[in-house]
């Protein structure tokens, strides 16, 4: 095989890094758009419903194309999909993109976008804890130290916000911790399905299952007329579906192909920094020295954790769409 010229290799690396940064930045806007929507009177379930209305058709279309490509390259007697895999992927999708998403979106009613993002960032710790509890995977002293450092940072921000906002911070934090725990369970259950189906097919099935469930939830609790949004509200709904969901998913996917899962995951740690910056600049959220110290500790803990937790390709691909 002919080696790629250095200039070609360097350009691929630069493009991959740029896409990873863009993907992380786009994902970081989710909480900002939700907060802005709340500010114009759109509740979180309506926003989540619009997210699915906008994004699911795109994921389904990509999944169908992926199915057609796999069907064309596999022997005629080898099925691309089977009923068991479809049902399992749908069930896992409900867990990750309905339950975890609903908890995360709801949390933003009560806490800042900064705190929400930092708590959600710690879901890999729960992945490891679940692995230790159910699969007897080893937990190293460095993992425990990184967990303690991160949660010390969250505790600093929580204490500061609690002094300002009171019980709302407790409820919001519990909701997003619940989201992180559910999303960690989703990660563990999704991995073997992604290995079997591939990322495109799995994500399409998972999102296709979650979308109708969220819409049904909406119809049981809201009049259909609540979806009739125009002006700035409609712009925000489109932004949540496209900028915060579809675009980052494909940026991250392309980045993985160009620079690998490990570098993509490391670059993705800039996401909370973007969220904090936007929360301060766009939403006018308070940012004190305590917030700065807490954010630094969370990022340090995640960095320490990532030094020994080098994800495999499928494990990273499972995170292409956040809750």
C-alpha atoms as a PDB file:
ATOM      1  CA  UNK A   1       0.000   0.000   0.000  1.00  0.00           C
ATOM      2  CA  UNK A   2       1.338   3.409  -0.965  1.00  0.00           C
ATOM      3  CA  UNK A   3       1.911   5.688   2.013  1.00  0.00           C
ATOM      4  CA  UNK A   4       0.093   8.986   2.067  1.00  0.00           C
ATOM      5  CA  UNK A   5       2.263  12.039   1.462  1.00  0.00           C
ATOM      6  CA  UNK A   6       2.971  13.999   4.635  1.00  0.00           C
ATOM      7  CA  UNK A   7       1.013  17.001   3.381  1.00  0.00           C
ATOM      8  CA  UNK A   8      -2.048  14.821   2.729  1.00  0.00           C
ATOM      9  CA  UNK A   9      -1.718  13.156   6.130  1.00  0.00           C
ATOM     10  CA  UNK A  10      -1.325  16.518   7.881  1.00  0.00           C
ATOM     11  CA  UNK A  11      -4.372  17.955   6.132  1.00  0.00           C
ATOM     12  CA  UNK A  12      -6.471  14.954   7.215  1.00  0.00           C
ATOM     13  CA  UNK A  13      -5.292  15.372  10.783  1.00  0.00           C
ATOM     14  CA  UNK A  14      -6.081  19.098  10.783  1.00  0.00           C
ATOM     15  CA  UNK A  15      -9.511  18.480   9.285  1.00  0.00           C
ATOM     16  CA  UNK A  16     -10.204  15.764  11.862  1.00  0.00           C
ATOM     17  CA  UNK A  17      -9.191  18.025  14.752  1.00  0.00           C
ATOM     18  CA  UNK A  18     -11.313  20.860  13.369  1.00  0.00           C
ATOM     19  CA  UNK A  19     -14.339  18.569  13.041  1.00  0.00           C
ATOM     20  CA  UNK A  20     -13.843  17.218  16.574  1.00  0.00           C
ATOM     21  CA  UNK A  21     -13.704  20.778  17.912  1.00  0.00           C
ATOM     22  CA  UNK A  22     -16.797  21.759  15.927  1.00  0.00           C
ATOM     23  CA  UNK A  23     -18.666  18.680  17.138  1.00  0.00           C
ATOM     24  CA  UNK A  24     -17.812  19.407  20.765  1.00  0.00           C
ATOM     25  CA  UNK A  25     -18.769  23.069  20.352  1.00  0.00           C
ATOM     26  CA  UNK A  26     -22.097  22.215  18.676  1.00  0.00           C
ATOM     27  CA  UNK A  27     -22.973  19.722  21.420  1.00  0.00           C
ATOM     28  CA  UNK A  28     -22.157  22.416  23.992  1.00  0.00           C
ATOM     29  CA  UNK A  29     -24.905  24.692  22.638  1.00  0.00           C
ATOM     30  CA  UNK A  30     -27.729  22.369  23.679  1.00  0.00           C
ATOM     31  CA  UNK A  31     -28.180  23.752  27.179  1.00  0.00           C
ATOM     32  CA  UNK A  32     -27.934  27.316  25.889  1.00  0.00           C
ATOM     33  CA  UNK A  33     -30.734  26.837  23.356  1.00  0.00           C
ATOM     34  CA  UNK A  34     -32.918  25.098  25.955  1.00  0.00           C
ATOM     35  CA  UNK A  35     -32.419  27.958  28.401  1.00  0.00           C
ATOM     36  CA  UNK A  36     -33.241  30.504  25.684  1.00  0.00           C
ATOM     37  CA  UNK A  37     -36.380  28.526  24.825  1.00  0.00           C
ATOM     38  CA  UNK A  38     -37.437  28.550  28.469  1.00  0.00           C
ATOM     39  CA  UNK A  39     -36.934  32.309  28.397  1.00  0.00           C
ATOM     40  CA  UNK A  40     -39.528  32.702  25.621  1.00  0.00           C
ATOM     41  CA  UNK A  41     -42.031  30.402  27.323  1.00  0.00           C
ATOM     42  CA  UNK A  42     -41.290  27.032  25.646  1.00  0.00           C
ATOM     43  CA  UNK A  43     -41.073  24.217  28.197  1.00  0.00           C
ATOM     44  CA  UNK A  44     -38.454  21.499  28.044  1.00  0.00           C
ATOM     45  CA  UNK A  45     -40.743  18.685  26.833  1.00  0.00           C
ATOM     46  CA  UNK A  46     -41.874  20.817  23.898  1.00  0.00           C
ATOM     47  CA  UNK A  47     -38.228  21.545  23.082  1.00  0.00           C
ATOM     48  CA  UNK A  48     -37.329  17.849  23.326  1.00  0.00           C
ATOM     49  CA  UNK A  49     -40.264  16.967  21.066  1.00  0.00           C
ATOM     50  CA  UNK A  50     -39.148  19.490  18.458  1.00  0.00           C
ATOM     51  CA  UNK A  51     -35.606  18.109  18.717  1.00  0.00           C
ATOM     52  CA  UNK A  52     -36.939  14.722  17.644  1.00  0.00           C
ATOM     53  CA  UNK A  53     -39.215  16.121  14.937  1.00  0.00           C
ATOM     54  CA  UNK A  54     -36.237  17.874  13.344  1.00  0.00           C
ATOM     55  CA  UNK A  55     -33.466  15.319  13.857  1.00  0.00           C
ATOM     56  CA  UNK A  56     -35.056  11.864  13.597  1.00  0.00           C
ATOM     57  CA  UNK A  57     -35.833  12.061   9.845  1.00  0.00           C
ATOM     58  CA  UNK A  58     -32.158  12.832   9.182  1.00  0.00           C
ATOM     59  CA  UNK A  59     -30.916   9.897  11.277  1.00  0.00           C
ATOM     60  CA  UNK A  60     -33.469   7.566   9.674  1.00  0.00           C
ATOM     61  CA  UNK A  61     -32.412   8.615   6.164  1.00  0.00           C
ATOM     62  CA  UNK A  62     -28.736   8.017   6.982  1.00  0.00           C
ATOM     63  CA  UNK A  63     -29.599   4.686   8.565  1.00  0.00           C
ATOM     64  CA  UNK A  64     -31.526   3.555   5.481  1.00  0.00           C
ATOM     65  CA  UNK A  65     -28.550   4.451   3.284  1.00  0.00           C
ATOM     66  CA  UNK A  66     -26.270   2.519   5.631  1.00  0.00           C
ATOM     67  CA  UNK A  67     -28.604  -0.486   5.478  1.00  0.00           C
ATOM     68  CA  UNK A  68     -28.647  -0.421   1.668  1.00  0.00           C
ATOM     69  CA  UNK A  69     -24.836  -0.273   1.533  1.00  0.00           C
ATOM     70  CA  UNK A  70     -24.449  -3.180   3.950  1.00  0.00           C
ATOM     71  CA  UNK A  71     -27.105  -5.191   2.122  1.00  0.00           C
ATOM     72  CA  UNK A  72     -25.185  -4.712  -1.141  1.00  0.00           C
ATOM     73  CA  UNK A  73     -21.896  -5.951   0.342  1.00  0.00           C
ATOM     74  CA  UNK A  74     -23.175  -8.958   2.316  1.00  0.00           C
ATOM     75  CA  UNK A  75     -24.123 -12.389   0.980  1.00  0.00           C
ATOM     76  CA  UNK A  76     -27.802 -12.701   0.057  1.00  0.00           C
ATOM     77  CA  UNK A  77     -28.411 -15.325   2.762  1.00  0.00           C
ATOM     78  CA  UNK A  78     -26.891 -13.180   5.534  1.00  0.00           C
ATOM     79  CA  UNK A  79     -29.451 -10.828   7.124  1.00  0.00           C
ATOM     80  CA  UNK A  80     -28.321  -7.283   7.915  1.00  0.00           C
ATOM     81  CA  UNK A  81     -30.957  -6.957  10.630  1.00  0.00           C
ATOM     82  CA  UNK A  82     -32.883  -9.426  12.757  1.00  0.00           C
ATOM     83  CA  UNK A  83     -35.915  -8.864  14.950  1.00  0.00           C
ATOM     84  CA  UNK A  84     -34.032  -9.387  18.210  1.00  0.00           C
ATOM     85  CA  UNK A  85     -31.362  -6.806  17.358  1.00  0.00           C
ATOM     86  CA  UNK A  86     -33.973  -4.257  16.250  1.00  0.00           C
ATOM     87  CA  UNK A  87     -35.996  -4.678  19.452  1.00  0.00           C
ATOM     88  CA  UNK A  88     -32.874  -4.482  21.603  1.00  0.00           C
ATOM     89  CA  UNK A  89     -31.640  -1.344  19.825  1.00  0.00           C
ATOM     90  CA  UNK A  90     -35.082   0.238  20.169  1.00  0.00           C
ATOM     91  CA  UNK A  91     -35.174  -0.533  23.899  1.00  0.00           C
ATOM     92  CA  UNK A  92     -31.688   0.859  24.466  1.00  0.00           C
ATOM     93  CA  UNK A  93     -32.622   3.907  22.404  1.00  0.00           C
ATOM     94  CA  UNK A  94     -35.589   4.575  24.672  1.00  0.00           C
ATOM     95  CA  UNK A  95     -33.226   4.487  27.626  1.00  0.00           C
ATOM     96  CA  UNK A  96     -30.616   6.838  26.161  1.00  0.00           C
ATOM     97  CA  UNK A  97     -32.625   9.236  24.024  1.00  0.00           C
ATOM     98  CA  UNK A  98     -35.942   9.308  25.858  1.00  0.00           C
ATOM     99  CA  UNK A  99     -35.310   8.756  29.570  1.00  0.00           C
ATOM    100  CA  UNK A 100     -31.820  10.291  29.796  1.00  0.00           C
ATOM    101  CA  UNK A 101     -32.745  13.174  27.482  1.00  0.00           C
ATOM    102  CA  UNK A 102     -35.963  13.952  29.345  1.00  0.00           C
ATOM    103  CA  UNK A 103     -34.137  14.049  32.692  1.00  0.00           C
ATOM    104  CA  UNK A 104     -31.373  16.267  31.293  1.00  0.00           C
ATOM    105  CA  UNK A 105     -33.730  18.691  29.556  1.00  0.00           C
ATOM    106  CA  UNK A 106     -35.921  18.886  32.674  1.00  0.00           C
ATOM    107  CA  UNK A 107     -32.909  19.643  34.876  1.00  0.00           C
ATOM    108  CA  UNK A 108     -32.270  22.853  32.950  1.00  0.00           C
ATOM    109  CA  UNK A 109     -35.520  24.258  34.320  1.00  0.00           C
ATOM    110  CA  UNK A 110     -33.881  24.386  37.753  1.00  0.00           C
ATOM    111  CA  UNK A 111     -30.102  24.754  37.358  1.00  0.00           C
ATOM    112  CA  UNK A 112     -27.630  26.683  35.247  1.00  0.00           C
ATOM    113  CA  UNK A 113     -26.387  25.400  31.911  1.00  0.00           C
ATOM    114  CA  UNK A 114     -22.895  25.380  33.444  1.00  0.00           C
ATOM    115  CA  UNK A 115     -23.742  23.015  36.303  1.00  0.00           C
ATOM    116  CA  UNK A 116     -25.863  20.796  34.067  1.00  0.00           C
ATOM    117  CA  UNK A 117     -23.037  20.358  31.566  1.00  0.00           C
ATOM    118  CA  UNK A 118     -20.391  19.615  34.186  1.00  0.00           C
ATOM    119  CA  UNK A 119     -22.507  17.002  35.956  1.00  0.00           C
ATOM    120  CA  UNK A 120     -23.409  15.301  32.672  1.00  0.00           C
ATOM    121  CA  UNK A 121     -19.725  15.260  31.721  1.00  0.00           C
ATOM    122  CA  UNK A 122     -19.061  12.757  34.521  1.00  0.00           C
ATOM    123  CA  UNK A 123     -21.195   9.937  33.050  1.00  0.00           C
ATOM    124  CA  UNK A 124     -18.047   7.886  32.127  1.00  0.00           C
ATOM    125  CA  UNK A 125     -17.428   7.440  35.855  1.00  0.00           C
ATOM    126  CA  UNK A 126     -20.775   5.669  36.132  1.00  0.00           C
ATOM    127  CA  UNK A 127     -19.852   3.494  33.139  1.00  0.00           C
ATOM    128  CA  UNK A 128     -16.783   2.314  35.050  1.00  0.00           C
ATOM    129  CA  UNK A 129     -18.714   1.835  38.296  1.00  0.00           C
ATOM    130  CA  UNK A 130     -21.345  -0.243  36.493  1.00  0.00           C
ATOM    131  CA  UNK A 131     -18.560  -2.256  34.867  1.00  0.00           C
ATOM    132  CA  UNK A 132     -17.018  -2.932  38.274  1.00  0.00           C
ATOM    133  CA  UNK A 133     -20.347  -3.831  39.880  1.00  0.00           C
ATOM    134  CA  UNK A 134     -21.782  -6.067  37.149  1.00  0.00           C
ATOM    135  CA  UNK A 135     -18.829  -7.213  35.056  1.00  0.00           C
ATOM    136  CA  UNK A 136     -16.105  -7.330  37.719  1.00  0.00           C
ATOM    137  CA  UNK A 137     -13.930  -4.839  35.836  1.00  0.00           C
ATOM    138  CA  UNK A 138     -11.021  -3.382  37.764  1.00  0.00           C
ATOM    139  CA  UNK A 139     -11.246   0.088  39.287  1.00  0.00           C
ATOM    140  CA  UNK A 140      -7.787   1.624  39.694  1.00  0.00           C
ATOM    141  CA  UNK A 141      -6.672   4.176  42.311  1.00  0.00           C
ATOM    142  CA  UNK A 142      -6.283   6.757  39.509  1.00  0.00           C
ATOM    143  CA  UNK A 143      -9.933   6.261  38.519  1.00  0.00           C
ATOM    144  CA  UNK A 144     -11.043   6.806  42.113  1.00  0.00           C
ATOM    145  CA  UNK A 145      -8.834   9.879  42.450  1.00  0.00           C
ATOM    146  CA  UNK A 146     -10.202  11.378  39.222  1.00  0.00           C
ATOM    147  CA  UNK A 147     -13.750  10.730  40.417  1.00  0.00           C
ATOM    148  CA  UNK A 148     -13.091  12.468  43.747  1.00  0.00           C
ATOM    149  CA  UNK A 149     -11.457  15.464  42.056  1.00  0.00           C
ATOM    150  CA  UNK A 150     -14.368  15.910  39.641  1.00  0.00           C
ATOM    151  CA  UNK A 151     -17.044  15.616  42.298  1.00  0.00           C
ATOM    152  CA  UNK A 152     -15.198  18.018  44.555  1.00  0.00           C
ATOM    153  CA  UNK A 153     -15.450  20.525  41.697  1.00  0.00           C
ATOM    154  CA  UNK A 154     -19.171  19.838  41.272  1.00  0.00           C
ATOM    155  CA  UNK A 155     -19.657  20.224  45.032  1.00  0.00           C
ATOM    156  CA  UNK A 156     -18.031  23.672  44.939  1.00  0.00           C
ATOM    157  CA  UNK A 157     -20.348  24.873  42.167  1.00  0.00           C
ATOM    158  CA  UNK A 158     -23.370  23.198  43.776  1.00  0.00           C
ATOM    159  CA  UNK A 159     -22.712  24.908  47.115  1.00  0.00           C
ATOM    160  CA  UNK A 160     -22.299  28.289  45.420  1.00  0.00           C
ATOM    161  CA  UNK A 161     -25.491  27.915  43.362  1.00  0.00           C
ATOM    162  CA  UNK A 162     -27.436  26.502  46.320  1.00  0.00           C
ATOM    163  CA  UNK A 163     -26.652  29.646  48.320  1.00  0.00           C
ATOM    164  CA  UNK A 164     -28.145  31.686  45.455  1.00  0.00           C
ATOM    165  CA  UNK A 165     -31.026  29.514  44.234  1.00  0.00           C
ATOM    166  CA  UNK A 166     -31.918  27.176  47.109  1.00  0.00           C
ATOM    167  CA  UNK A 167     -33.865  23.931  46.669  1.00  0.00           C
ATOM    168  CA  UNK A 168     -34.182  24.289  42.895  1.00  0.00           C
ATOM    169  CA  UNK A 169     -30.479  23.453  42.634  1.00  0.00           C
ATOM    170  CA  UNK A 170     -31.014  20.209  44.565  1.00  0.00           C
ATOM    171  CA  UNK A 171     -33.840  19.076  42.299  1.00  0.00           C
ATOM    172  CA  UNK A 172     -32.055  20.086  39.096  1.00  0.00           C
ATOM    173  CA  UNK A 173     -28.819  18.397  40.147  1.00  0.00           C
ATOM    174  CA  UNK A 174     -30.634  15.174  41.030  1.00  0.00           C
ATOM    175  CA  UNK A 175     -32.331  15.178  37.628  1.00  0.00           C
ATOM    176  CA  UNK A 176     -29.085  15.583  35.693  1.00  0.00           C
ATOM    177  CA  UNK A 177     -27.305  13.018  37.892  1.00  0.00           C
ATOM    178  CA  UNK A 178     -30.161  10.681  37.004  1.00  0.00           C
ATOM    179  CA  UNK A 179     -29.586  11.476  33.339  1.00  0.00           C
ATOM    180  CA  UNK A 180     -25.860  10.729  33.663  1.00  0.00           C
ATOM    181  CA  UNK A 181     -26.563   7.390  35.360  1.00  0.00           C
ATOM    182  CA  UNK A 182     -29.147   6.359  32.756  1.00  0.00           C
ATOM    183  CA  UNK A 183     -26.860   7.437  29.911  1.00  0.00           C
ATOM    184  CA  UNK A 184     -24.025   5.383  31.410  1.00  0.00           C
ATOM    185  CA  UNK A 185     -26.305   2.325  31.422  1.00  0.00           C
ATOM    186  CA  UNK A 186     -27.202   3.121  27.816  1.00  0.00           C
ATOM    187  CA  UNK A 187     -23.495   3.210  26.897  1.00  0.00           C
ATOM    188  CA  UNK A 188     -22.877  -0.250  28.335  1.00  0.00           C
ATOM    189  CA  UNK A 189     -25.949  -1.783  26.686  1.00  0.00           C
ATOM    190  CA  UNK A 190     -25.325  -0.020  23.356  1.00  0.00           C
ATOM    191  CA  UNK A 191     -21.768  -1.245  22.810  1.00  0.00           C
ATOM    192  CA  UNK A 192     -22.515  -4.870  21.773  1.00  0.00           C
ATOM    193  CA  UNK A 193     -25.353  -3.676  19.553  1.00  0.00           C
ATOM    194  CA  UNK A 194     -23.078  -1.167  17.809  1.00  0.00           C
ATOM    195  CA  UNK A 195     -20.511  -3.925  17.308  1.00  0.00           C
ATOM    196  CA  UNK A 196     -23.241  -6.023  15.686  1.00  0.00           C
ATOM    197  CA  UNK A 197     -25.178  -3.406  13.693  1.00  0.00           C
ATOM    198  CA  UNK A 198     -22.701  -0.588  13.154  1.00  0.00           C
ATOM    199  CA  UNK A 199     -23.087   2.948  14.452  1.00  0.00           C
ATOM    200  CA  UNK A 200     -25.333   4.249  11.653  1.00  0.00           C
ATOM    201  CA  UNK A 201     -27.955   1.521  11.862  1.00  0.00           C
ATOM    202  CA  UNK A 202     -27.940   1.430  15.651  1.00  0.00           C
ATOM    203  CA  UNK A 203     -28.357   5.210  16.009  1.00  0.00           C
ATOM    204  CA  UNK A 204     -31.162   5.269  13.440  1.00  0.00           C
ATOM    205  CA  UNK A 205     -33.092   2.531  15.212  1.00  0.00           C
ATOM    206  CA  UNK A 206     -32.446   4.021  18.654  1.00  0.00           C
ATOM    207  CA  UNK A 207     -33.564   7.514  17.646  1.00  0.00           C
ATOM    208  CA  UNK A 208     -36.538   6.132  15.702  1.00  0.00           C
ATOM    209  CA  UNK A 209     -37.756   4.404  18.866  1.00  0.00           C
ATOM    210  CA  UNK A 210     -37.195   7.384  21.149  1.00  0.00           C
ATOM    211  CA  UNK A 211     -38.825   9.920  18.827  1.00  0.00           C
ATOM    212  CA  UNK A 212     -42.378   8.442  18.860  1.00  0.00           C
ATOM    213  CA  UNK A 213     -42.132   7.806  22.620  1.00  0.00           C
ATOM    214  CA  UNK A 214     -41.314  11.461  23.272  1.00  0.00           C
ATOM    215  CA  UNK A 215     -44.052  12.647  20.908  1.00  0.00           C
ATOM    216  CA  UNK A 216     -46.575  10.360  22.686  1.00  0.00           C
ATOM    217  CA  UNK A 217     -45.435  11.752  26.048  1.00  0.00           C
ATOM    218  CA  UNK A 218     -45.981  15.254  24.670  1.00  0.00           C
ATOM    219  CA  UNK A 219     -49.469  14.459  23.325  1.00  0.00           C
ATOM    220  CA  UNK A 220     -50.506  12.969  26.675  1.00  0.00           C
ATOM    221  CA  UNK A 221     -49.450  16.091  28.580  1.00  0.00           C
ATOM    222  CA  UNK A 222     -49.842  18.981  26.103  1.00  0.00           C
ATOM    223  CA  UNK A 223     -52.336  20.118  23.487  1.00  0.00           C
ATOM    224  CA  UNK A 224     -51.062  19.674  19.926  1.00  0.00           C
ATOM    225  CA  UNK A 225     -51.371  23.449  19.501  1.00  0.00           C
ATOM    226  CA  UNK A 226     -48.309  23.890  21.759  1.00  0.00           C
ATOM    227  CA  UNK A 227     -46.182  22.750  18.816  1.00  0.00           C
ATOM    228  CA  UNK A 228     -47.356  25.750  16.796  1.00  0.00           C
ATOM    229  CA  UNK A 229     -44.302  27.932  17.346  1.00  0.00           C
ATOM    230  CA  UNK A 230     -43.000  30.689  15.122  1.00  0.00           C
ATOM    231  CA  UNK A 231     -40.464  33.491  15.143  1.00  0.00           C
ATOM    232  CA  UNK A 232     -37.594  33.190  17.608  1.00  0.00           C
ATOM    233  CA  UNK A 233     -39.114  30.096  19.199  1.00  0.00           C
ATOM    234  CA  UNK A 234     -39.087  28.198  15.913  1.00  0.00           C
ATOM    235  CA  UNK A 235     -35.504  29.273  15.260  1.00  0.00           C
ATOM    236  CA  UNK A 236     -34.503  27.871  18.656  1.00  0.00           C
ATOM    237  CA  UNK A 237     -36.313  24.579  17.995  1.00  0.00           C
ATOM    238  CA  UNK A 238     -34.539  24.165  14.665  1.00  0.00           C
ATOM    239  CA  UNK A 239     -31.239  25.022  16.355  1.00  0.00           C
ATOM    240  CA  UNK A 240     -31.716  22.328  19.027  1.00  0.00           C
ATOM    241  CA  UNK A 241     -32.504  19.734  16.369  1.00  0.00           C
ATOM    242  CA  UNK A 242     -29.838  20.673  13.832  1.00  0.00           C
ATOM    243  CA  UNK A 243     -27.003  22.575  15.538  1.00  0.00           C
ATOM    244  CA  UNK A 244     -27.083  20.708  18.870  1.00  0.00           C
ATOM    245  CA  UNK A 245     -27.961  17.231  17.592  1.00  0.00           C
ATOM    246  CA  UNK A 246     -27.508  16.458  13.876  1.00  0.00           C
ATOM    247  CA  UNK A 247     -24.419  18.524  13.027  1.00  0.00           C
ATOM    248  CA  UNK A 248     -22.305  17.460  16.035  1.00  0.00           C
ATOM    249  CA  UNK A 249     -23.197  13.794  15.520  1.00  0.00           C
ATOM    250  CA  UNK A 250     -21.764  13.787  12.011  1.00  0.00           C
ATOM    251  CA  UNK A 251     -18.820  16.040  12.908  1.00  0.00           C
ATOM    252  CA  UNK A 252     -17.822  13.597  15.651  1.00  0.00           C
ATOM    253  CA  UNK A 253     -18.358  10.605  13.358  1.00  0.00           C
ATOM    254  CA  UNK A 254     -16.138  12.129  10.664  1.00  0.00           C
ATOM    255  CA  UNK A 255     -13.505  13.138  13.232  1.00  0.00           C
ATOM    256  CA  UNK A 256     -13.301   9.563  14.520  1.00  0.00           C
ATOM    257  CA  UNK A 257     -12.616   8.396  10.989  1.00  0.00           C
ATOM    258  CA  UNK A 258      -9.859  10.972  10.464  1.00  0.00           C
ATOM    259  CA  UNK A 259      -8.006  11.157  13.806  1.00  0.00           C
ATOM    260  CA  UNK A 260      -9.279   8.152  15.753  1.00  0.00           C
ATOM    261  CA  UNK A 261     -11.593   7.748  18.755  1.00  0.00           C
ATOM    262  CA  UNK A 262      -9.062   8.568  21.468  1.00  0.00           C
ATOM    263  CA  UNK A 263      -8.045  11.992  20.109  1.00  0.00           C
ATOM    264  CA  UNK A 264     -11.676  12.796  19.311  1.00  0.00           C
ATOM    265  CA  UNK A 265     -12.712  11.977  22.874  1.00  0.00           C
ATOM    266  CA  UNK A 266      -9.898  14.084  24.343  1.00  0.00           C
ATOM    267  CA  UNK A 267     -10.748  17.056  22.118  1.00  0.00           C
ATOM    268  CA  UNK A 268     -14.383  16.650  23.175  1.00  0.00           C
ATOM    269  CA  UNK A 269     -13.425  17.745  26.682  1.00  0.00           C
ATOM    270  CA  UNK A 270     -13.497  21.361  25.458  1.00  0.00           C
ATOM    271  CA  UNK A 271     -17.290  21.096  25.343  1.00  0.00           C
ATOM    272  CA  UNK A 272     -17.969  22.281  28.925  1.00  0.00           C
ATOM    273  CA  UNK A 273     -15.609  25.220  28.425  1.00  0.00           C
ATOM    274  CA  UNK A 274     -17.727  26.295  25.455  1.00  0.00           C
ATOM    275  CA  UNK A 275     -20.921  25.845  27.471  1.00  0.00           C
ATOM    276  CA  UNK A 276     -19.564  27.919  30.370  1.00  0.00           C
ATOM    277  CA  UNK A 277     -18.438  30.668  27.986  1.00  0.00           C
ATOM    278  CA  UNK A 278     -21.802  30.780  26.219  1.00  0.00           C
ATOM    279  CA  UNK A 279     -23.710  30.621  29.502  1.00  0.00           C
ATOM    280  CA  UNK A 280     -21.849  33.678  30.750  1.00  0.00           C
ATOM    281  CA  UNK A 281     -21.880  35.614  27.480  1.00  0.00           C
ATOM    282  CA  UNK A 282     -25.332  34.721  26.111  1.00  0.00           C
ATOM    283  CA  UNK A 283     -27.408  33.837  29.172  1.00  0.00           C
ATOM    284  CA  UNK A 284     -25.692  36.150  31.645  1.00  0.00           C
ATOM    285  CA  UNK A 285     -25.206  33.358  34.192  1.00  0.00           C
ATOM    286  CA  UNK A 286     -23.120  34.168  37.255  1.00  0.00           C
ATOM    287  CA  UNK A 287     -19.500  32.988  37.188  1.00  0.00           C
ATOM    288  CA  UNK A 288     -17.482  33.450  40.378  1.00  0.00           C
ATOM    289  CA  UNK A 289     -14.057  32.295  41.487  1.00  0.00           C
ATOM    290  CA  UNK A 290     -15.806  29.296  43.053  1.00  0.00           C
ATOM    291  CA  UNK A 291     -17.336  28.429  39.671  1.00  0.00           C
ATOM    292  CA  UNK A 292     -13.915  28.764  38.044  1.00  0.00           C
ATOM    293  CA  UNK A 293     -12.287  26.518  40.658  1.00  0.00           C
ATOM    294  CA  UNK A 294     -15.086  23.946  40.398  1.00  0.00           C
ATOM    295  CA  UNK A 295     -14.939  23.860  36.607  1.00  0.00           C
ATOM    296  CA  UNK A 296     -11.168  23.437  36.683  1.00  0.00           C
ATOM    297  CA  UNK A 297     -11.450  20.516  39.121  1.00  0.00           C
ATOM    298  CA  UNK A 298     -14.101  18.755  37.033  1.00  0.00           C
ATOM    299  CA  UNK A 299     -12.011  19.098  33.880  1.00  0.00           C
ATOM    300  CA  UNK A 300      -8.885  17.932  35.736  1.00  0.00           C
ATOM    301  CA  UNK A 301     -10.729  14.874  36.998  1.00  0.00           C
ATOM    302  CA  UNK A 302     -12.048  14.004  33.542  1.00  0.00           C
ATOM    303  CA  UNK A 303      -8.557  14.465  32.078  1.00  0.00           C
ATOM    304  CA  UNK A 304      -7.018  12.179  34.719  1.00  0.00           C
ATOM    305  CA  UNK A 305      -9.726   9.621  34.085  1.00  0.00           C
ATOM    306  CA  UNK A 306      -9.155   9.752  30.324  1.00  0.00           C
ATOM    307  CA  UNK A 307      -5.419   9.061  30.681  1.00  0.00           C
ATOM    308  CA  UNK A 308      -6.117   5.436  31.566  1.00  0.00           C
ATOM    309  CA  UNK A 309      -9.557   5.024  30.007  1.00  0.00           C
ATOM    310  CA  UNK A 310      -8.725   4.804  26.300  1.00  0.00           C
ATOM    311  CA  UNK A 311     -12.024   4.076  24.562  1.00  0.00           C
ATOM    312  CA  UNK A 312     -12.367   1.627  21.720  1.00  0.00           C
ATOM    313  CA  UNK A 313     -13.902   2.811  18.493  1.00  0.00           C
ATOM    314  CA  UNK A 314     -17.400   1.467  19.143  1.00  0.00           C
ATOM    315  CA  UNK A 315     -17.435   2.914  22.661  1.00  0.00           C
ATOM    316  CA  UNK A 316     -16.822   6.388  21.302  1.00  0.00           C
ATOM    317  CA  UNK A 317     -19.276   5.994  18.463  1.00  0.00           C
ATOM    318  CA  UNK A 318     -21.979   5.247  21.010  1.00  0.00           C
ATOM    319  CA  UNK A 319     -21.628   8.823  22.254  1.00  0.00           C
ATOM    320  CA  UNK A 320     -22.101  10.471  18.870  1.00  0.00           C
ATOM    321  CA  UNK A 321     -25.557  11.723  19.941  1.00  0.00           C
ATOM    322  CA  UNK A 322     -25.788  13.077  23.465  1.00  0.00           C
ATOM    323  CA  UNK A 323     -28.910  12.743  25.643  1.00  0.00           C
END
